[in-house]
Amino acid sequence: MEKKVFDFSNKGFISETYFSDNCYFLNESEMRDFIRKIEQHNREIYRRKLKDYEKSQEIIEVFEPLKESNLEEDVLPLDEISEEYDISFYENLLKSCPSTLELPHYLPKRNHPNFSFLMNQLSAKILKEIVEIENFMVEENLSLEEKREFLEEIKEKKELLNYFILYRDKTDFTEALQEEMEKENTLLFLQSTSGNYYALQDEKRLEQEYYKSFLELLDSIKKGTFKNLKVFTSNNKLKGLLEVKEFKTRIVFQRLERDVYVILSMFLKKVNRDSYYLEQLETRCNQFHNAYSSIKEKLNDENYLRENEEIALELKAKWEGGGKYGNS
């Protein structure tokens, strides 16, 4: 007679009802085997559930839902500045930051006129994300593994938030780190397919009364303060481009890599010519993408870097001199 096989692998605790429903046609030997396996199975389930319970208690001890008020003295109140600032540029930069040691290069420069406000905005965003995750953990029925993953994410965000606050408030940086943070960006200028620099062409179309404004905008890119920064988001063909601006003046640029930016276009914005500027920017944007690899390769070319530095000095000299290059 074939021996009965009892498989409890997909069951929880074996109840008395289950035992009664399945024991009627068992002989004495099978009955003993059946009872023994039920006891073994139930003991194993008990040990497993006890272990899970103990682990869950460990998680509960660690997991104390963060309230926004916990850090409000550090993050809030925000500086009372009426103008809205787009922090998406810094949010995107942070996504590419390889380590905490590199963070000063991916955060607002400390000499930015609205440095504290921007840091508060970034800190508040991180705090909001932490609160959302913790609320989600409280409301949802998560497995232990899921809870651990979320707790690890919360830990990383809290460490980042603490760094933001330290970076915002700390003043006694080491001399080496201070110099590193104050280091100016490298400016490169996009070339056409024929090798001409667009900036030199654009500059000839600028009106003298706006030279000072263009000088301030270019200087803000150089120093990393990015005056009235705008990130292009609505037009897919221009997505990711950056723009610094004043009343009518515009400089459009793109980040190449850490501390290196490429100037794509400089122009005076006139309302009745919006379509023209968009077409021009699309052309420049395409040229930048086509030349991207070539520009990256030339970052080790001292002659290329010197040539671009001379262009920046040439523009600065003319704009500071009110229309004349250098001392001429």
C-alpha atoms as a PDB file:
ATOM      1  CA  MET A   1       0.000   0.000   0.000  1.00  0.00           C
ATOM      2  CA  GLU A   2       1.333   3.427  -1.025  1.00  0.00           C
ATOM      3  CA  LYS A   3       2.506   5.507   1.912  1.00  0.00           C
ATOM      4  CA  LYS A   4       0.660   8.792   2.353  1.00  0.00           C
ATOM      5  CA  VAL A   5       2.708  11.969   1.932  1.00  0.00           C
ATOM      6  CA  PHE A   6       1.757  14.998   4.015  1.00  0.00           C
ATOM      7  CA  ASP A   7       2.902  18.306   2.543  1.00  0.00           C
ATOM      8  CA  PHE A   8       2.452  21.346   4.789  1.00  0.00           C
ATOM      9  CA  SER A   9       4.933  23.606   2.978  1.00  0.00           C
ATOM     10  CA  ASN A  10       2.324  26.162   1.933  1.00  0.00           C
ATOM     11  CA  LYS A  11       0.418  26.219   5.206  1.00  0.00           C
ATOM     12  CA  GLY A  12       0.562  28.245   8.396  1.00  0.00           C
ATOM     13  CA  PHE A  13      -0.281  26.682  11.747  1.00  0.00           C
ATOM     14  CA  ILE A  14      -2.105  23.366  11.324  1.00  0.00           C
ATOM     15  CA  SER A  15      -5.408  23.647  13.170  1.00  0.00           C
ATOM     16  CA  GLU A  16      -7.415  20.952  14.959  1.00  0.00           C
ATOM     17  CA  THR A  17     -10.045  21.238  12.230  1.00  0.00           C
ATOM     18  CA  TYR A  18      -7.511  20.420   9.524  1.00  0.00           C
ATOM     19  CA  PHE A  19      -6.308  17.451  11.567  1.00  0.00           C
ATOM     20  CA  SER A  20      -9.876  16.134  12.040  1.00  0.00           C
ATOM     21  CA  ASP A  21     -10.696  16.516   8.346  1.00  0.00           C
ATOM     22  CA  ASN A  22      -7.696  14.474   7.246  1.00  0.00           C
ATOM     23  CA  CYS A  23      -7.231  11.720   9.841  1.00  0.00           C
ATOM     24  CA  TYR A  24     -10.263   9.462   9.345  1.00  0.00           C
ATOM     25  CA  PHE A  25      -8.748   7.027   6.874  1.00  0.00           C
ATOM     26  CA  LEU A  26      -5.332   6.732   8.458  1.00  0.00           C
ATOM     27  CA  ASN A  27      -4.091   3.628  10.137  1.00  0.00           C
ATOM     28  CA  GLU A  28      -2.310   3.813  13.469  1.00  0.00           C
ATOM     29  CA  SER A  29       1.185   4.142  11.980  1.00  0.00           C
ATOM     30  CA  GLU A  30       0.062   6.834   9.542  1.00  0.00           C
ATOM     31  CA  MET A  31      -1.746   8.645  12.329  1.00  0.00           C
ATOM     32  CA  ARG A  32       1.434   8.817  14.445  1.00  0.00           C
ATOM     33  CA  ASP A  33       3.410  10.049  11.441  1.00  0.00           C
ATOM     34  CA  PHE A  34       0.701  12.593  10.655  1.00  0.00           C
ATOM     35  CA  ILE A  35       0.682  13.952  14.249  1.00  0.00           C
ATOM     36  CA  ARG A  36       4.482  14.056  14.418  1.00  0.00           C
ATOM     37  CA  LYS A  37       4.741  16.052  11.200  1.00  0.00           C
ATOM     38  CA  ILE A  38       2.026  18.438  12.322  1.00  0.00           C
ATOM     39  CA  GLU A  39       3.909  19.079  15.568  1.00  0.00           C
ATOM     40  CA  GLN A  40       7.182  19.631  13.713  1.00  0.00           C
ATOM     41  CA  HIS A  41       5.513  21.944  11.256  1.00  0.00           C
ATOM     42  CA  ASN A  42       3.773  23.986  13.959  1.00  0.00           C
ATOM     43  CA  ARG A  43       6.986  24.310  15.989  1.00  0.00           C
ATOM     44  CA  GLU A  44       8.843  25.566  12.908  1.00  0.00           C
ATOM     45  CA  ILE A  45       6.090  28.072  12.141  1.00  0.00           C
ATOM     46  CA  TYR A  46       6.191  29.246  15.766  1.00  0.00           C
ATOM     47  CA  ARG A  47       9.990  29.701  15.714  1.00  0.00           C
ATOM     48  CA  ARG A  48       9.775  31.600  12.425  1.00  0.00           C
ATOM     49  CA  LYS A  49       7.010  33.901  13.662  1.00  0.00           C
ATOM     50  CA  LEU A  50       8.825  34.515  16.944  1.00  0.00           C
ATOM     51  CA  LYS A  51      11.986  35.424  15.054  1.00  0.00           C
ATOM     52  CA  ASP A  52      10.041  37.771  12.756  1.00  0.00           C
ATOM     53  CA  TYR A  53       8.381  39.365  15.771  1.00  0.00           C
ATOM     54  CA  GLU A  54      11.727  39.982  17.490  1.00  0.00           C
ATOM     55  CA  LYS A  55      13.105  41.557  14.310  1.00  0.00           C
ATOM     56  CA  SER A  56      10.017  43.717  13.940  1.00  0.00           C
ATOM     57  CA  GLN A  57      10.532  44.985  17.494  1.00  0.00           C
ATOM     58  CA  GLU A  58      14.116  45.912  16.613  1.00  0.00           C
ATOM     59  CA  ILE A  59      12.837  47.891  13.634  1.00  0.00           C
ATOM     60  CA  ILE A  60      10.158  49.594  15.715  1.00  0.00           C
ATOM     61  CA  GLU A  61      12.836  50.747  18.178  1.00  0.00           C
ATOM     62  CA  VAL A  62      14.879  52.261  15.361  1.00  0.00           C
ATOM     63  CA  PHE A  63      11.911  53.606  13.443  1.00  0.00           C
ATOM     64  CA  GLU A  64      10.679  56.749  15.142  1.00  0.00           C
ATOM     65  CA  PRO A  65       8.559  58.714  12.630  1.00  0.00           C
ATOM     66  CA  LEU A  66      10.213  62.056  12.008  1.00  0.00           C
ATOM     67  CA  LYS A  67       8.037  65.108  12.471  1.00  0.00           C
ATOM     68  CA  GLU A  68       8.747  68.203  10.416  1.00  0.00           C
ATOM     69  CA  SER A  69       9.074  70.195  13.631  1.00  0.00           C
ATOM     70  CA  ASN A  70      12.071  68.059  14.699  1.00  0.00           C
ATOM     71  CA  LEU A  71      14.375  70.025  12.423  1.00  0.00           C
ATOM     72  CA  GLU A  72      12.465  73.239  11.965  1.00  0.00           C
ATOM     73  CA  GLU A  73      15.050  75.179  13.944  1.00  0.00           C
ATOM     74  CA  ASP A  74      17.676  74.043  11.433  1.00  0.00           C
ATOM     75  CA  VAL A  75      15.667  74.170   8.214  1.00  0.00           C
ATOM     76  CA  LEU A  76      13.070  76.841   8.932  1.00  0.00           C
ATOM     77  CA  PRO A  77      12.064  79.618   8.853  1.00  0.00           C
ATOM     78  CA  LEU A  78      13.043  80.244   5.266  1.00  0.00           C
ATOM     79  CA  ASP A  79      14.563  83.619   4.442  1.00  0.00           C
ATOM     80  CA  GLU A  80      11.846  86.003   3.435  1.00  0.00           C
ATOM     81  CA  ILE A  81      12.655  86.552  -0.223  1.00  0.00           C
ATOM     82  CA  SER A  82       9.743  87.436  -2.473  1.00  0.00           C
ATOM     83  CA  GLU A  83      11.290  86.146  -5.695  1.00  0.00           C
ATOM     84  CA  GLU A  84      10.830  82.483  -6.562  1.00  0.00           C
ATOM     85  CA  TYR A  85      13.961  80.470  -7.288  1.00  0.00           C
ATOM     86  CA  ASP A  86      14.147  77.318  -9.343  1.00  0.00           C
ATOM     87  CA  ILE A  87      16.134  74.727  -7.374  1.00  0.00           C
ATOM     88  CA  SER A  88      15.675  71.995 -10.011  1.00  0.00           C
ATOM     89  CA  PHE A  89      19.141  72.816 -11.370  1.00  0.00           C
ATOM     90  CA  TYR A  90      20.744  71.876  -8.048  1.00  0.00           C
ATOM     91  CA  GLU A  91      18.429  68.888  -7.591  1.00  0.00           C
ATOM     92  CA  ASN A  92      19.586  67.509 -10.944  1.00  0.00           C
ATOM     93  CA  LEU A  93      23.221  68.245 -10.108  1.00  0.00           C
ATOM     94  CA  LEU A  94      22.942  66.337  -6.834  1.00  0.00           C
ATOM     95  CA  LYS A  95      21.733  63.238  -8.675  1.00  0.00           C
ATOM     96  CA  SER A  96      25.103  63.034 -10.411  1.00  0.00           C
ATOM     97  CA  CYS A  97      27.195  63.704  -7.296  1.00  0.00           C
ATOM     98  CA  PRO A  98      29.471  60.667  -6.768  1.00  0.00           C
ATOM     99  CA  SER A  99      30.232  61.171  -3.057  1.00  0.00           C
ATOM    100  CA  THR A 100      29.801  63.437  -0.040  1.00  0.00           C
ATOM    101  CA  LEU A 101      33.319  64.775  -0.582  1.00  0.00           C
ATOM    102  CA  GLU A 102      32.195  66.165  -3.934  1.00  0.00           C
ATOM    103  CA  LEU A 103      29.050  67.876  -2.599  1.00  0.00           C
ATOM    104  CA  PRO A 104      30.483  71.429  -2.494  1.00  0.00           C
ATOM    105  CA  HIS A 105      30.711  71.258  -6.296  1.00  0.00           C
ATOM    106  CA  TYR A 106      27.050  70.295  -6.625  1.00  0.00           C
ATOM    107  CA  LEU A 107      25.516  72.786  -4.195  1.00  0.00           C
ATOM    108  CA  PRO A 108      24.964  76.549  -4.434  1.00  0.00           C
ATOM    109  CA  LYS A 109      28.177  78.532  -4.050  1.00  0.00           C
ATOM    110  CA  ARG A 110      28.545  80.107  -0.639  1.00  0.00           C
ATOM    111  CA  ASN A 111      29.039  83.521  -2.263  1.00  0.00           C
ATOM    112  CA  HIS A 112      25.632  83.259  -3.970  1.00  0.00           C
ATOM    113  CA  PRO A 113      23.542  86.290  -2.888  1.00  0.00           C
ATOM    114  CA  ASN A 114      20.674  83.946  -1.957  1.00  0.00           C
ATOM    115  CA  PHE A 115      22.818  81.093  -0.639  1.00  0.00           C
ATOM    116  CA  SER A 116      20.927  80.533   2.639  1.00  0.00           C
ATOM    117  CA  PHE A 117      17.570  80.633   0.908  1.00  0.00           C
ATOM    118  CA  LEU A 118      18.606  78.056  -1.696  1.00  0.00           C
ATOM    119  CA  MET A 119      20.084  75.765   0.953  1.00  0.00           C
ATOM    120  CA  ASN A 120      16.876  76.067   2.991  1.00  0.00           C
ATOM    121  CA  GLN A 121      14.843  75.170  -0.075  1.00  0.00           C
ATOM    122  CA  LEU A 122      16.977  72.090  -0.764  1.00  0.00           C
ATOM    123  CA  SER A 123      16.885  71.098   2.928  1.00  0.00           C
ATOM    124  CA  ALA A 124      13.110  71.515   3.097  1.00  0.00           C
ATOM    125  CA  LYS A 125      12.730  69.318   0.012  1.00  0.00           C
ATOM    126  CA  ILE A 126      14.802  66.528   1.600  1.00  0.00           C
ATOM    127  CA  LEU A 127      12.872  66.875   4.867  1.00  0.00           C
ATOM    128  CA  LYS A 128       9.580  66.590   2.989  1.00  0.00           C
ATOM    129  CA  GLU A 129      10.777  63.407   1.270  1.00  0.00           C
ATOM    130  CA  ILE A 130      11.769  61.896   4.641  1.00  0.00           C
ATOM    131  CA  VAL A 131       8.378  62.665   6.148  1.00  0.00           C
ATOM    132  CA  GLU A 132       6.579  61.201   3.114  1.00  0.00           C
ATOM    133  CA  ILE A 133       8.553  57.950   3.344  1.00  0.00           C
ATOM    134  CA  GLU A 134       7.934  57.618   7.082  1.00  0.00           C
ATOM    135  CA  ASN A 135       4.230  58.295   6.700  1.00  0.00           C
ATOM    136  CA  PHE A 136       4.096  55.682   3.964  1.00  0.00           C
ATOM    137  CA  MET A 137       5.780  53.153   6.257  1.00  0.00           C
ATOM    138  CA  VAL A 138       3.225  53.811   8.979  1.00  0.00           C
ATOM    139  CA  GLU A 139       0.234  53.532   6.650  1.00  0.00           C
ATOM    140  CA  GLU A 140       1.270  50.532   4.548  1.00  0.00           C
ATOM    141  CA  ASN A 141       1.592  46.887   5.566  1.00  0.00           C
ATOM    142  CA  LEU A 142       5.205  46.326   4.574  1.00  0.00           C
ATOM    143  CA  SER A 143       7.388  43.269   4.836  1.00  0.00           C
ATOM    144  CA  LEU A 144      10.487  43.358   7.028  1.00  0.00           C
ATOM    145  CA  GLU A 145      12.713  43.539   3.981  1.00  0.00           C
ATOM    146  CA  GLU A 146      10.747  46.478   2.579  1.00  0.00           C
ATOM    147  CA  LYS A 147      10.966  48.255   5.935  1.00  0.00           C
ATOM    148  CA  ARG A 148      14.724  47.777   6.007  1.00  0.00           C
ATOM    149  CA  GLU A 149      15.060  49.240   2.514  1.00  0.00           C
ATOM    150  CA  PHE A 150      12.999  52.290   3.428  1.00  0.00           C
ATOM    151  CA  LEU A 151      14.900  52.750   6.683  1.00  0.00           C
ATOM    152  CA  GLU A 152      18.171  52.713   4.765  1.00  0.00           C
ATOM    153  CA  GLU A 153      16.806  55.337   2.364  1.00  0.00           C
ATOM    154  CA  ILE A 154      15.681  57.482   5.320  1.00  0.00           C
ATOM    155  CA  LYS A 155      19.118  57.149   6.901  1.00  0.00           C
ATOM    156  CA  GLU A 156      20.817  58.328   3.694  1.00  0.00           C
ATOM    157  CA  LYS A 157      18.456  61.294   3.355  1.00  0.00           C
ATOM    158  CA  LYS A 158      18.972  62.315   6.986  1.00  0.00           C
ATOM    159  CA  GLU A 159      22.738  62.204   6.492  1.00  0.00           C
ATOM    160  CA  LEU A 160      22.352  64.365   3.384  1.00  0.00           C
ATOM    161  CA  LEU A 161      20.086  66.785   5.258  1.00  0.00           C
ATOM    162  CA  ASN A 162      22.593  67.064   8.103  1.00  0.00           C
ATOM    163  CA  TYR A 163      25.324  67.797   5.572  1.00  0.00           C
ATOM    164  CA  PHE A 164      23.191  70.500   3.938  1.00  0.00           C
ATOM    165  CA  ILE A 165      22.673  72.206   7.302  1.00  0.00           C
ATOM    166  CA  LEU A 166      26.372  71.927   8.171  1.00  0.00           C
ATOM    167  CA  TYR A 167      27.392  73.279   4.762  1.00  0.00           C
ATOM    168  CA  ARG A 168      24.935  76.167   5.138  1.00  0.00           C
ATOM    169  CA  ASP A 169      25.941  77.174   8.664  1.00  0.00           C
ATOM    170  CA  LYS A 170      29.591  76.188   8.982  1.00  0.00           C
ATOM    171  CA  THR A 171      32.130  78.958   8.495  1.00  0.00           C
ATOM    172  CA  ASP A 172      35.410  77.423   9.677  1.00  0.00           C
ATOM    173  CA  PHE A 173      36.231  75.238   6.669  1.00  0.00           C
ATOM    174  CA  THR A 174      39.817  74.195   6.130  1.00  0.00           C
ATOM    175  CA  GLU A 175      41.782  76.543   3.915  1.00  0.00           C
ATOM    176  CA  ALA A 176      42.093  73.884   1.207  1.00  0.00           C
ATOM    177  CA  LEU A 177      38.358  73.167   1.158  1.00  0.00           C
ATOM    178  CA  GLN A 178      37.555  76.897   1.214  1.00  0.00           C
ATOM    179  CA  GLU A 179      39.743  77.425  -1.839  1.00  0.00           C
ATOM    180  CA  GLU A 180      38.128  74.467  -3.559  1.00  0.00           C
ATOM    181  CA  MET A 181      34.621  75.814  -2.906  1.00  0.00           C
ATOM    182  CA  GLU A 182      35.563  79.284  -4.155  1.00  0.00           C
ATOM    183  CA  LYS A 183      37.189  77.950  -7.310  1.00  0.00           C
ATOM    184  CA  GLU A 184      35.677  79.564 -10.391  1.00  0.00           C
ATOM    185  CA  ASN A 185      34.088  77.600 -13.206  1.00  0.00           C
ATOM    186  CA  THR A 186      35.817  77.047 -16.526  1.00  0.00           C
ATOM    187  CA  LEU A 187      33.959  78.714 -19.400  1.00  0.00           C
ATOM    188  CA  LEU A 188      34.033  77.295 -22.910  1.00  0.00           C
ATOM    189  CA  PHE A 189      32.376  78.759 -25.983  1.00  0.00           C
ATOM    190  CA  LEU A 190      30.502  76.686 -28.534  1.00  0.00           C
ATOM    191  CA  GLN A 191      31.869  76.624 -32.070  1.00  0.00           C
ATOM    192  CA  SER A 192      29.923  76.313 -35.314  1.00  0.00           C
ATOM    193  CA  THR A 193      30.549  73.466 -37.739  1.00  0.00           C
ATOM    194  CA  SER A 194      33.007  75.762 -39.532  1.00  0.00           C
ATOM    195  CA  GLY A 195      34.950  76.355 -36.322  1.00  0.00           C
ATOM    196  CA  ASN A 196      33.802  79.913 -35.578  1.00  0.00           C
ATOM    197  CA  TYR A 197      32.867  80.846 -32.034  1.00  0.00           C
ATOM    198  CA  TYR A 198      29.182  81.732 -31.773  1.00  0.00           C
ATOM    199  CA  ALA A 199      29.822  84.100 -28.844  1.00  0.00           C
ATOM    200  CA  LEU A 200      31.961  86.420 -30.994  1.00  0.00           C
ATOM    201  CA  GLN A 201      29.201  86.528 -33.618  1.00  0.00           C
ATOM    202  CA  ASP A 202      26.492  87.099 -31.010  1.00  0.00           C
ATOM    203  CA  GLU A 203      28.463  89.851 -29.307  1.00  0.00           C
ATOM    204  CA  LYS A 204      28.467  92.000 -32.431  1.00  0.00           C
ATOM    205  CA  ARG A 205      24.656  92.175 -32.304  1.00  0.00           C
ATOM    206  CA  LEU A 206      24.502  93.388 -28.713  1.00  0.00           C
ATOM    207  CA  GLU A 207      23.664  96.977 -27.879  1.00  0.00           C
ATOM    208  CA  GLN A 208      26.221  98.928 -25.883  1.00  0.00           C
ATOM    209  CA  GLU A 209      23.782 100.018 -23.180  1.00  0.00           C
ATOM    210  CA  TYR A 210      23.447  96.358 -22.133  1.00  0.00           C
ATOM    211  CA  TYR A 211      27.171  95.561 -21.912  1.00  0.00           C
ATOM    212  CA  LYS A 212      27.233  95.852 -18.135  1.00  0.00           C
ATOM    213  CA  SER A 213      24.316  93.448 -17.834  1.00  0.00           C
ATOM    214  CA  PHE A 214      25.988  90.849 -20.068  1.00  0.00           C
ATOM    215  CA  LEU A 215      29.207  91.233 -18.090  1.00  0.00           C
ATOM    216  CA  GLU A 216      27.329  90.493 -14.852  1.00  0.00           C
ATOM    217  CA  LEU A 217      25.587  87.467 -16.376  1.00  0.00           C
ATOM    218  CA  LEU A 218      28.804  85.972 -17.744  1.00  0.00           C
ATOM    219  CA  ASP A 219      30.537  86.663 -14.433  1.00  0.00           C
ATOM    220  CA  SER A 220      27.724  84.877 -12.572  1.00  0.00           C
ATOM    221  CA  ILE A 221      28.328  81.724 -14.641  1.00  0.00           C
ATOM    222  CA  LYS A 222      32.064  82.026 -14.020  1.00  0.00           C
ATOM    223  CA  LYS A 223      31.559  82.355 -10.259  1.00  0.00           C
ATOM    224  CA  GLY A 224      28.745  79.774 -10.108  1.00  0.00           C
ATOM    225  CA  THR A 225      26.143  82.184  -8.708  1.00  0.00           C
ATOM    226  CA  PHE A 226      23.983  81.935 -11.883  1.00  0.00           C
ATOM    227  CA  LYS A 227      22.000  85.172 -11.826  1.00  0.00           C
ATOM    228  CA  ASN A 228      18.235  84.606 -12.143  1.00  0.00           C
ATOM    229  CA  LEU A 229      18.840  81.062 -13.343  1.00  0.00           C
ATOM    230  CA  LYS A 230      16.249  79.392 -15.549  1.00  0.00           C
ATOM    231  CA  VAL A 231      16.177  75.708 -16.505  1.00  0.00           C
ATOM    232  CA  PHE A 232      14.485  74.870 -19.810  1.00  0.00           C
ATOM    233  CA  THR A 233      11.880  72.171 -19.168  1.00  0.00           C
ATOM    234  CA  SER A 234       8.810  72.777 -21.350  1.00  0.00           C
ATOM    235  CA  ASN A 235      10.494  72.415 -24.760  1.00  0.00           C
ATOM    236  CA  ASN A 236      11.834  68.879 -25.307  1.00  0.00           C
ATOM    237  CA  LYS A 237      14.294  70.136 -27.929  1.00  0.00           C
ATOM    238  CA  LEU A 238      15.843  72.495 -25.374  1.00  0.00           C
ATOM    239  CA  LYS A 239      15.369  70.400 -22.255  1.00  0.00           C
ATOM    240  CA  GLY A 240      18.293  70.720 -19.883  1.00  0.00           C
ATOM    241  CA  LEU A 241      19.596  74.016 -21.235  1.00  0.00           C
ATOM    242  CA  LEU A 242      20.343  76.721 -18.680  1.00  0.00           C
ATOM    243  CA  GLU A 243      19.834  80.462 -18.919  1.00  0.00           C
ATOM    244  CA  VAL A 244      20.927  83.438 -16.840  1.00  0.00           C
ATOM    245  CA  LYS A 245      18.991  86.616 -17.458  1.00  0.00           C
ATOM    246  CA  GLU A 246      18.172  90.174 -16.595  1.00  0.00           C
ATOM    247  CA  PHE A 247      15.518  92.514 -18.023  1.00  0.00           C
ATOM    248  CA  LYS A 248      16.324  91.947 -21.716  1.00  0.00           C
ATOM    249  CA  THR A 249      19.669  90.214 -21.601  1.00  0.00           C
ATOM    250  CA  ARG A 250      20.119  86.462 -21.897  1.00  0.00           C
ATOM    251  CA  ILE A 251      23.015  84.012 -21.904  1.00  0.00           C
ATOM    252  CA  VAL A 252      22.177  80.381 -22.612  1.00  0.00           C
ATOM    253  CA  PHE A 253      24.667  77.711 -21.574  1.00  0.00           C
ATOM    254  CA  GLN A 254      25.050  74.036 -20.744  1.00  0.00           C
ATOM    255  CA  ARG A 255      26.959  72.119 -18.105  1.00  0.00           C
ATOM    256  CA  LEU A 256      29.623  69.901 -19.608  1.00  0.00           C
ATOM    257  CA  GLU A 257      30.967  68.386 -16.404  1.00  0.00           C
ATOM    258  CA  ARG A 258      31.851  69.420 -12.868  1.00  0.00           C
ATOM    259  CA  ASP A 259      32.789  73.124 -12.889  1.00  0.00           C
ATOM    260  CA  VAL A 260      32.860  73.308 -16.699  1.00  0.00           C
ATOM    261  CA  TYR A 261      30.158  75.175 -18.653  1.00  0.00           C
ATOM    262  CA  VAL A 262      29.729  75.830 -22.368  1.00  0.00           C
ATOM    263  CA  ILE A 263      28.255  79.149 -23.566  1.00  0.00           C
ATOM    264  CA  LEU A 264      25.806  78.479 -26.406  1.00  0.00           C
ATOM    265  CA  SER A 265      24.164  81.822 -27.069  1.00  0.00           C
ATOM    266  CA  MET A 266      24.026  85.490 -25.988  1.00  0.00           C
ATOM    267  CA  PHE A 267      21.211  87.741 -27.094  1.00  0.00           C
ATOM    268  CA  LEU A 268      18.812  90.564 -26.329  1.00  0.00           C
ATOM    269  CA  LYS A 269      15.313  89.205 -25.940  1.00  0.00           C
ATOM    270  CA  LYS A 270      12.638  90.976 -27.960  1.00  0.00           C
ATOM    271  CA  VAL A 271       9.057  89.809 -27.510  1.00  0.00           C
ATOM    272  CA  ASN A 272       8.180  89.941 -31.205  1.00  0.00           C
ATOM    273  CA  ARG A 273      11.034  87.602 -32.133  1.00  0.00           C
ATOM    274  CA  ASP A 274      10.481  84.671 -29.750  1.00  0.00           C
ATOM    275  CA  SER A 275      10.151  82.131 -32.570  1.00  0.00           C
ATOM    276  CA  TYR A 276      13.475  83.281 -34.040  1.00  0.00           C
ATOM    277  CA  TYR A 277      15.278  82.803 -30.725  1.00  0.00           C
ATOM    278  CA  LEU A 278      13.757  79.354 -30.236  1.00  0.00           C
ATOM    279  CA  GLU A 279      14.916  78.239 -33.678  1.00  0.00           C
ATOM    280  CA  GLN A 280      18.379  79.619 -33.011  1.00  0.00           C
ATOM    281  CA  LEU A 281      18.569  77.869 -29.628  1.00  0.00           C
ATOM    282  CA  GLU A 282      17.465  74.581 -31.165  1.00  0.00           C
ATOM    283  CA  THR A 283      20.263  74.883 -33.720  1.00  0.00           C
ATOM    284  CA  ARG A 284      22.831  75.682 -31.031  1.00  0.00           C
ATOM    285  CA  CYS A 285      21.549  72.888 -28.809  1.00  0.00           C
ATOM    286  CA  ASN A 286      21.899  70.359 -31.645  1.00  0.00           C
ATOM    287  CA  GLN A 287      25.403  71.636 -32.362  1.00  0.00           C
ATOM    288  CA  PHE A 288      26.337  71.250 -28.698  1.00  0.00           C
ATOM    289  CA  HIS A 289      25.156  67.631 -28.657  1.00  0.00           C
ATOM    290  CA  ASN A 290      26.987  66.901 -31.907  1.00  0.00           C
ATOM    291  CA  ALA A 291      30.196  68.458 -30.590  1.00  0.00           C
ATOM    292  CA  TYR A 292      29.868  67.085 -27.041  1.00  0.00           C
ATOM    293  CA  SER A 293      32.414  64.276 -27.362  1.00  0.00           C
ATOM    294  CA  SER A 294      34.870  66.491 -29.213  1.00  0.00           C
ATOM    295  CA  ILE A 295      34.660  69.214 -26.544  1.00  0.00           C
ATOM    296  CA  LYS A 296      35.202  66.649 -23.775  1.00  0.00           C
ATOM    297  CA  GLU A 297      38.310  65.360 -25.517  1.00  0.00           C
ATOM    298  CA  LYS A 298      39.734  68.884 -25.811  1.00  0.00           C
ATOM    299  CA  LEU A 299      39.500  69.516 -22.057  1.00  0.00           C
ATOM    300  CA  ASN A 300      43.106  68.288 -21.842  1.00  0.00           C
ATOM    301  CA  ASP A 301      44.221  70.547 -24.701  1.00  0.00           C
ATOM    302  CA  GLU A 302      45.953  73.549 -23.136  1.00  0.00           C
ATOM    303  CA  ASN A 303      45.795  75.542 -26.381  1.00  0.00           C
ATOM    304  CA  TYR A 304      42.035  75.043 -26.604  1.00  0.00           C
ATOM    305  CA  LEU A 305      41.505  76.056 -22.967  1.00  0.00           C
ATOM    306  CA  ARG A 306      43.747  79.106 -23.388  1.00  0.00           C
ATOM    307  CA  GLU A 307      41.872  80.149 -26.528  1.00  0.00           C
ATOM    308  CA  ASN A 308      38.537  80.011 -24.690  1.00  0.00           C
ATOM    309  CA  GLU A 309      39.969  81.909 -21.736  1.00  0.00           C
ATOM    310  CA  GLU A 310      41.136  84.637 -24.120  1.00  0.00           C
ATOM    311  CA  ILE A 311      37.624  84.913 -25.568  1.00  0.00           C
ATOM    312  CA  ALA A 312      36.196  85.440 -22.088  1.00  0.00           C
ATOM    313  CA  LEU A 313      38.842  88.092 -21.356  1.00  0.00           C
ATOM    314  CA  GLU A 314      38.165  89.752 -24.700  1.00  0.00           C
ATOM    315  CA  LEU A 315      34.437  90.002 -24.014  1.00  0.00           C
ATOM    316  CA  LYS A 316      35.059  91.262 -20.486  1.00  0.00           C
ATOM    317  CA  ALA A 317      37.494  93.909 -21.710  1.00  0.00           C
ATOM    318  CA  LYS A 318      35.051  95.217 -24.287  1.00  0.00           C
ATOM    319  CA  TRP A 319      32.060  95.247 -21.933  1.00  0.00           C
ATOM    320  CA  GLU A 320      34.030  96.911 -19.150  1.00  0.00           C
ATOM    321  CA  GLY A 321      35.487  99.435 -21.599  1.00  0.00           C
ATOM    322  CA  GLY A 322      32.090 100.438 -22.899  1.00  0.00           C
ATOM    323  CA  GLY A 323      32.646  99.120 -26.400  1.00  0.00           C
ATOM    324  CA  LYS A 324      36.422  98.985 -26.910  1.00  0.00           C
ATOM    325  CA  TYR A 325      38.574  95.880 -26.693  1.00  0.00           C
ATOM    326  CA  GLY A 326      41.398  96.057 -24.181  1.00  0.00           C
ATOM    327  CA  ASN A 327      43.108  99.470 -24.139  1.00  0.00           C
ATOM    328  CA  SER A 328      42.414 100.241 -27.777  1.00  0.00           C
END
